[in-house]
Structures are given as structure tokens and as C-alpha cells.
Amino acid sequence: MLPKYEFGDEVRIIRNVRNDGTYPGVAIGTLLIRRGSTGFVMNVGTFLQDQLIYTVNFLEQNKIVGFREEELIGIDEQWIPSKFESREKVRSKITLTVRGEARVTPGMEGEILKVFREENNGVQYHVIFHDQVLQVPEASLEATRVYDDEEKSDATSH
């Protein structure tokens, strides 16, 4: 189990991270670091002998937080920001069809299950609408409510 990143490497966080109870002095569930933020690896350790944990220093936020390797990408790796994240509630802006059959009508609410960031196709999502999961382009979705930046940070989850 060799680490992908080493001391001093700059990395980007690919999902919002909330306090799971291991960050002292901050309430559980509080957003610690927003996806897309960058920091520097300070240390690499292990958890339960089978997971690498990277201690990352976020200078701008004045926070040091631990991450699993799958939560990080190198600073030079492509990062495509998304409008929504997993577990966010969204609404369809258009009629969505499968093989010509309307499955979702405008205004129907769903929940983001997974985010796909692809260079050629842009951001797409797996969204569950009632009992069906569809892959939907970002342009076809809107938030179920409007957030200011601080509220949105608090509303998204890890």
C-alpha cells in the first residue's frame, strides 16, 4: 500500500467534508472543507492498517483535516466543478424521456445519487425520481430552493 501523495504535495478535495466527530471544537455535521478546496499534504498515515489517511493543511481556511485517498486528486488533475452534489434535492427543468416515453415532467423533484464529471459530456448526475434512476445533464436540473453561498455550503453533504 504505497501512498499516491507525499509530504508537500498540493491536492484538491473532491467532495464536501463535514465533521464526523473527529475534528475537535466543531459540532458534528458542520462543513469543514468545501469540495474544490486545495491544501498541502503534511503527513500520510494508516487507519485500520488498510486505509491511507492524508493529513492536509488548508492554509486559507486555517484547518488541518484528514482524508482518504479517494477524496483527493492532484492539483494538476482536471477538476470540473458541479452545481449539485450527492444527496441534494433537485427539480427537472424539462421533460425527461427514455426511448420516447416521458418518465419525468418539468418540476418533478428528485435526489442526486452520484455526480459524473466528464470533460466531453460536462457534468451529469444519477438522479432518483420516485422509484427510477436516470442519468441527467446538469443543464436539465435546478435546485429545489435558492441558496446563498453560505447556506449552500451548509446544505451540501459529505
C-alpha atoms as a PDB file:
ATOM      1  CA  MET A   1       0.000   0.000   0.000  1.00  0.00           C
ATOM      2  CA  LEU A   2       2.026   2.910  -1.334  1.00  0.00           C
ATOM      3  CA  PRO A   3       0.770   6.482  -0.977  1.00  0.00           C
ATOM      4  CA  LYS A   4      -0.178   8.379  -4.116  1.00  0.00           C
ATOM      5  CA  TYR A   5       0.690  11.730  -2.488  1.00  0.00           C
ATOM      6  CA  GLU A   6       3.660  12.738  -0.371  1.00  0.00           C
ATOM      7  CA  PHE A   7       4.603  15.462   2.094  1.00  0.00           C
ATOM      8  CA  GLY A   8       4.298  18.892   0.443  1.00  0.00           C
ATOM      9  CA  ASP A   9       2.110  17.779  -2.476  1.00  0.00           C
ATOM     10  CA  GLU A  10      -0.750  20.152  -3.241  1.00  0.00           C
ATOM     11  CA  VAL A  11      -4.081  18.327  -3.516  1.00  0.00           C
ATOM     12  CA  ARG A  12      -7.724  19.167  -4.217  1.00  0.00           C
ATOM     13  CA  ILE A  13     -10.686  17.833  -2.233  1.00  0.00           C
ATOM     14  CA  ILE A  14     -13.363  16.329  -4.472  1.00  0.00           C
ATOM     15  CA  ARG A  15     -16.272  16.219  -2.002  1.00  0.00           C
ATOM     16  CA  ASN A  16     -17.562  18.327   0.832  1.00  0.00           C
ATOM     17  CA  VAL A  17     -16.259  17.168   4.185  1.00  0.00           C
ATOM     18  CA  ARG A  18     -18.219  17.546   7.404  1.00  0.00           C
ATOM     19  CA  ASN A  19     -17.120  16.900  10.944  1.00  0.00           C
ATOM     20  CA  ASP A  20     -17.796  13.258  11.770  1.00  0.00           C
ATOM     21  CA  GLY A  21     -16.890  13.852  15.395  1.00  0.00           C
ATOM     22  CA  THR A  22     -13.129  13.622  14.938  1.00  0.00           C
ATOM     23  CA  TYR A  23     -12.499  17.359  14.458  1.00  0.00           C
ATOM     24  CA  PRO A  24     -12.285  18.988  17.909  1.00  0.00           C
ATOM     25  CA  GLY A  25     -14.211  22.103  18.861  1.00  0.00           C
ATOM     26  CA  VAL A  26     -16.658  21.913  15.951  1.00  0.00           C
ATOM     27  CA  ALA A  27     -20.177  20.485  16.069  1.00  0.00           C
ATOM     28  CA  ILE A  28     -20.776  17.152  14.330  1.00  0.00           C
ATOM     29  CA  GLY A  29     -22.149  17.716  10.835  1.00  0.00           C
ATOM     30  CA  THR A  30     -20.522  21.133  10.396  1.00  0.00           C
ATOM     31  CA  LEU A  31     -18.953  21.696   6.972  1.00  0.00           C
ATOM     32  CA  LEU A  32     -15.166  21.684   7.398  1.00  0.00           C
ATOM     33  CA  ILE A  33     -13.866  21.905   3.840  1.00  0.00           C
ATOM     34  CA  ARG A  34     -15.814  22.589   0.642  1.00  0.00           C
ATOM     35  CA  ARG A  35     -15.202  20.464  -2.469  1.00  0.00           C
ATOM     36  CA  GLY A  36     -12.696  22.038  -4.818  1.00  0.00           C
ATOM     37  CA  SER A  37     -10.587  23.498  -1.978  1.00  0.00           C
ATOM     38  CA  THR A  38      -6.843  22.935  -2.147  1.00  0.00           C
ATOM     39  CA  GLY A  39      -4.317  22.196   0.555  1.00  0.00           C
ATOM     40  CA  PHE A  40      -0.903  20.643   1.183  1.00  0.00           C
ATOM     41  CA  VAL A  41      -0.169  17.120   2.420  1.00  0.00           C
ATOM     42  CA  MET A  42       1.509  17.261   5.840  1.00  0.00           C
ATOM     43  CA  ASN A  43       1.532  13.575   6.725  1.00  0.00           C
ATOM     44  CA  VAL A  44       0.488  10.146   5.484  1.00  0.00           C
ATOM     45  CA  GLY A  45      -0.695   7.515   7.947  1.00  0.00           C
ATOM     46  CA  THR A  46      -2.922   4.456   8.063  1.00  0.00           C
ATOM     47  CA  PHE A  47      -6.280   3.615   9.595  1.00  0.00           C
ATOM     48  CA  LEU A  48      -7.117   0.013  10.476  1.00  0.00           C
ATOM     49  CA  GLN A  49      -3.961  -0.999   8.593  1.00  0.00           C
ATOM     50  CA  ASP A  50      -5.779  -0.957   5.256  1.00  0.00           C
ATOM     51  CA  GLN A  51      -6.609   2.702   4.546  1.00  0.00           C
ATOM     52  CA  LEU A  52      -4.209   5.532   3.839  1.00  0.00           C
ATOM     53  CA  ILE A  53      -5.101   8.766   5.610  1.00  0.00           C
ATOM     54  CA  TYR A  54      -3.608  12.037   4.418  1.00  0.00           C
ATOM     55  CA  THR A  55      -3.331  14.971   6.800  1.00  0.00           C
ATOM     56  CA  VAL A  56      -3.931  18.057   4.661  1.00  0.00           C
ATOM     57  CA  ASN A  57      -3.299  21.660   5.677  1.00  0.00           C
ATOM     58  CA  PHE A  58      -5.696  24.221   4.211  1.00  0.00           C
ATOM     59  CA  LEU A  59      -3.836  27.482   4.663  1.00  0.00           C
ATOM     60  CA  GLU A  60      -6.697  29.768   3.565  1.00  0.00           C
ATOM     61  CA  GLN A  61      -9.192  28.115   5.930  1.00  0.00           C
ATOM     62  CA  ASN A  62      -6.604  27.653   8.695  1.00  0.00           C
ATOM     63  CA  LYS A  63      -7.651  23.996   9.104  1.00  0.00           C
ATOM     64  CA  ILE A  64      -5.847  20.671   9.142  1.00  0.00           C
ATOM     65  CA  VAL A  65      -8.089  17.734   8.187  1.00  0.00           C
ATOM     66  CA  GLY A  66      -7.580  14.032   7.445  1.00  0.00           C
ATOM     67  CA  PHE A  67      -8.715  12.486   4.141  1.00  0.00           C
ATOM     68  CA  ARG A  68      -8.868   9.102   2.491  1.00  0.00           C
ATOM     69  CA  GLU A  69      -7.038   8.844  -0.821  1.00  0.00           C
ATOM     70  CA  GLU A  70     -10.269   8.599  -2.855  1.00  0.00           C
ATOM     71  CA  GLU A  71     -11.315  12.032  -1.556  1.00  0.00           C
ATOM     72  CA  LEU A  72      -8.272  13.714  -3.141  1.00  0.00           C
ATOM     73  CA  ILE A  73      -6.922  14.486  -6.590  1.00  0.00           C
ATOM     74  CA  GLY A  74      -3.591  16.021  -7.531  1.00  0.00           C
ATOM     75  CA  ILE A  75      -3.570  19.762  -8.100  1.00  0.00           C
ATOM     76  CA  ASP A  76      -2.688  19.226 -11.783  1.00  0.00           C
ATOM     77  CA  GLU A  77      -5.532  16.756 -12.352  1.00  0.00           C
ATOM     78  CA  GLN A  78      -8.584  18.077 -14.114  1.00  0.00           C
ATOM     79  CA  TRP A  79     -11.277  19.415 -11.790  1.00  0.00           C
ATOM     80  CA  ILE A  80     -14.725  20.089 -13.197  1.00  0.00           C
ATOM     81  CA  PRO A  81     -16.898  21.874 -10.629  1.00  0.00           C
ATOM     82  CA  SER A  82     -20.521  20.791 -10.331  1.00  0.00           C
ATOM     83  CA  LYS A  83     -23.626  22.736  -9.423  1.00  0.00           C
ATOM     84  CA  PHE A  84     -25.008  19.925  -7.228  1.00  0.00           C
ATOM     85  CA  GLU A  85     -23.632  17.163  -5.007  1.00  0.00           C
ATOM     86  CA  SER A  86     -24.854  13.790  -3.768  1.00  0.00           C
ATOM     87  CA  ARG A  87     -27.996  13.887  -1.621  1.00  0.00           C
ATOM     88  CA  GLU A  88     -29.070  17.332  -2.829  1.00  0.00           C
ATOM     89  CA  LYS A  89     -32.696  17.752  -3.838  1.00  0.00           C
ATOM     90  CA  VAL A  90     -33.247  18.960  -7.405  1.00  0.00           C
ATOM     91  CA  ARG A  91     -36.093  19.573  -9.803  1.00  0.00           C
ATOM     92  CA  SER A  92     -36.267  18.730 -13.510  1.00  0.00           C
ATOM     93  CA  LYS A  93     -36.419  21.775 -15.787  1.00  0.00           C
ATOM     94  CA  ILE A  94     -37.607  19.717 -18.764  1.00  0.00           C
ATOM     95  CA  THR A  95     -39.482  16.533 -19.651  1.00  0.00           C
ATOM     96  CA  LEU A  96     -37.103  13.578 -19.428  1.00  0.00           C
ATOM     97  CA  THR A  97     -37.762  10.615 -21.679  1.00  0.00           C
ATOM     98  CA  VAL A  98     -36.471   7.073 -22.048  1.00  0.00           C
ATOM     99  CA  ARG A  99     -36.903   5.559 -25.533  1.00  0.00           C
ATOM    100  CA  GLY A 100     -39.518   8.182 -26.322  1.00  0.00           C
ATOM    101  CA  GLU A 101     -41.562   7.609 -23.158  1.00  0.00           C
ATOM    102  CA  ALA A 102     -41.903  10.560 -20.767  1.00  0.00           C
ATOM    103  CA  ARG A 103     -40.620   9.496 -17.354  1.00  0.00           C
ATOM    104  CA  VAL A 104     -40.166  12.851 -15.608  1.00  0.00           C
ATOM    105  CA  THR A 105     -42.132  16.050 -16.138  1.00  0.00           C
ATOM    106  CA  PRO A 106     -40.902  19.605 -15.535  1.00  0.00           C
ATOM    107  CA  GLY A 107     -40.932  20.467 -11.838  1.00  0.00           C
ATOM    108  CA  MET A 108     -40.713  16.853 -10.654  1.00  0.00           C
ATOM    109  CA  GLU A 109     -38.361  16.591  -7.684  1.00  0.00           C
ATOM    110  CA  GLY A 110     -35.566  14.089  -7.302  1.00  0.00           C
ATOM    111  CA  GLU A 111     -32.386  13.482  -5.327  1.00  0.00           C
ATOM    112  CA  ILE A 112     -28.813  13.349  -6.621  1.00  0.00           C
ATOM    113  CA  LEU A 113     -27.279   9.913  -6.101  1.00  0.00           C
ATOM    114  CA  LYS A 114     -23.990  10.330  -7.957  1.00  0.00           C
ATOM    115  CA  VAL A 115     -22.046  13.037  -9.799  1.00  0.00           C
ATOM    116  CA  PHE A 116     -20.191  12.366 -13.070  1.00  0.00           C
ATOM    117  CA  ARG A 117     -17.635  14.975 -14.093  1.00  0.00           C
ATOM    118  CA  GLU A 118     -16.585  14.296 -17.666  1.00  0.00           C
ATOM    119  CA  GLU A 119     -14.609  16.604 -19.885  1.00  0.00           C
ATOM    120  CA  ASN A 120     -16.536  15.816 -23.097  1.00  0.00           C
ATOM    121  CA  ASN A 121     -20.086  15.464 -21.760  1.00  0.00           C
ATOM    122  CA  GLY A 122     -19.944  18.013 -18.947  1.00  0.00           C
ATOM    123  CA  VAL A 123     -21.399  17.296 -15.538  1.00  0.00           C
ATOM    124  CA  GLN A 124     -24.148  14.683 -15.354  1.00  0.00           C
ATOM    125  CA  TYR A 125     -25.948  13.102 -12.430  1.00  0.00           C
ATOM    126  CA  HIS A 126     -27.695   9.922 -11.441  1.00  0.00           C
ATOM    127  CA  VAL A 127     -30.963  11.270 -10.044  1.00  0.00           C
ATOM    128  CA  ILE A 128     -33.689   9.241  -8.394  1.00  0.00           C
ATOM    129  CA  PHE A 129     -37.175  10.456  -9.278  1.00  0.00           C
ATOM    130  CA  HIS A 130     -39.646   8.444  -7.196  1.00  0.00           C
ATOM    131  CA  ASP A 131     -38.674   4.850  -7.995  1.00  0.00           C
ATOM    132  CA  GLN A 132     -36.489   5.348 -11.086  1.00  0.00           C
ATOM    133  CA  VAL A 133     -32.890   6.442 -11.572  1.00  0.00           C
ATOM    134  CA  LEU A 134     -31.991   8.485 -14.642  1.00  0.00           C
ATOM    135  CA  GLN A 135     -28.712   9.971 -15.829  1.00  0.00           C
ATOM    136  CA  VAL A 136     -29.413  13.668 -16.324  1.00  0.00           C
ATOM    137  CA  PRO A 137     -27.221  16.510 -17.668  1.00  0.00           C
ATOM    138  CA  GLU A 138     -26.664  19.414 -15.290  1.00  0.00           C
ATOM    139  CA  ALA A 139     -28.422  21.901 -17.601  1.00  0.00           C
ATOM    140  CA  SER A 140     -31.686  19.942 -17.190  1.00  0.00           C
ATOM    141  CA  LEU A 141     -31.805  20.390 -13.408  1.00  0.00           C
ATOM    142  CA  GLU A 142     -32.396  23.215 -10.963  1.00  0.00           C
ATOM    143  CA  ALA A 143     -32.198  23.479  -7.196  1.00  0.00           C
ATOM    144  CA  THR A 144     -35.422  22.930  -5.294  1.00  0.00           C
ATOM    145  CA  ARG A 145     -34.649  26.141  -3.449  1.00  0.00           C
ATOM    146  CA  VAL A 146     -32.231  29.019  -3.914  1.00  0.00           C
ATOM    147  CA  TYR A 147     -29.269  29.243  -1.560  1.00  0.00           C
ATOM    148  CA  ASP A 148     -26.813  31.973  -0.889  1.00  0.00           C
ATOM    149  CA  ASP A 149     -23.191  30.700  -0.887  1.00  0.00           C
ATOM    150  CA  GLU A 150     -23.009  30.173   2.877  1.00  0.00           C
ATOM    151  CA  GLU A 151     -26.342  28.333   3.019  1.00  0.00           C
ATOM    152  CA  LYS A 152     -25.348  26.134   0.080  1.00  0.00           C
ATOM    153  CA  SER A 153     -22.106  25.208   1.827  1.00  0.00           C
ATOM    154  CA  ASP A 154     -24.103  24.166   4.874  1.00  0.00           C
ATOM    155  CA  ALA A 155     -26.745  22.335   2.818  1.00  0.00           C
ATOM    156  CA  THR A 156     -24.398  20.064   0.870  1.00  0.00           C
ATOM    157  CA  SER A 157     -23.183  16.876   2.465  1.00  0.00           C
ATOM    158  CA  HIS A 158     -20.166  14.672   2.600  1.00  0.00           C
END
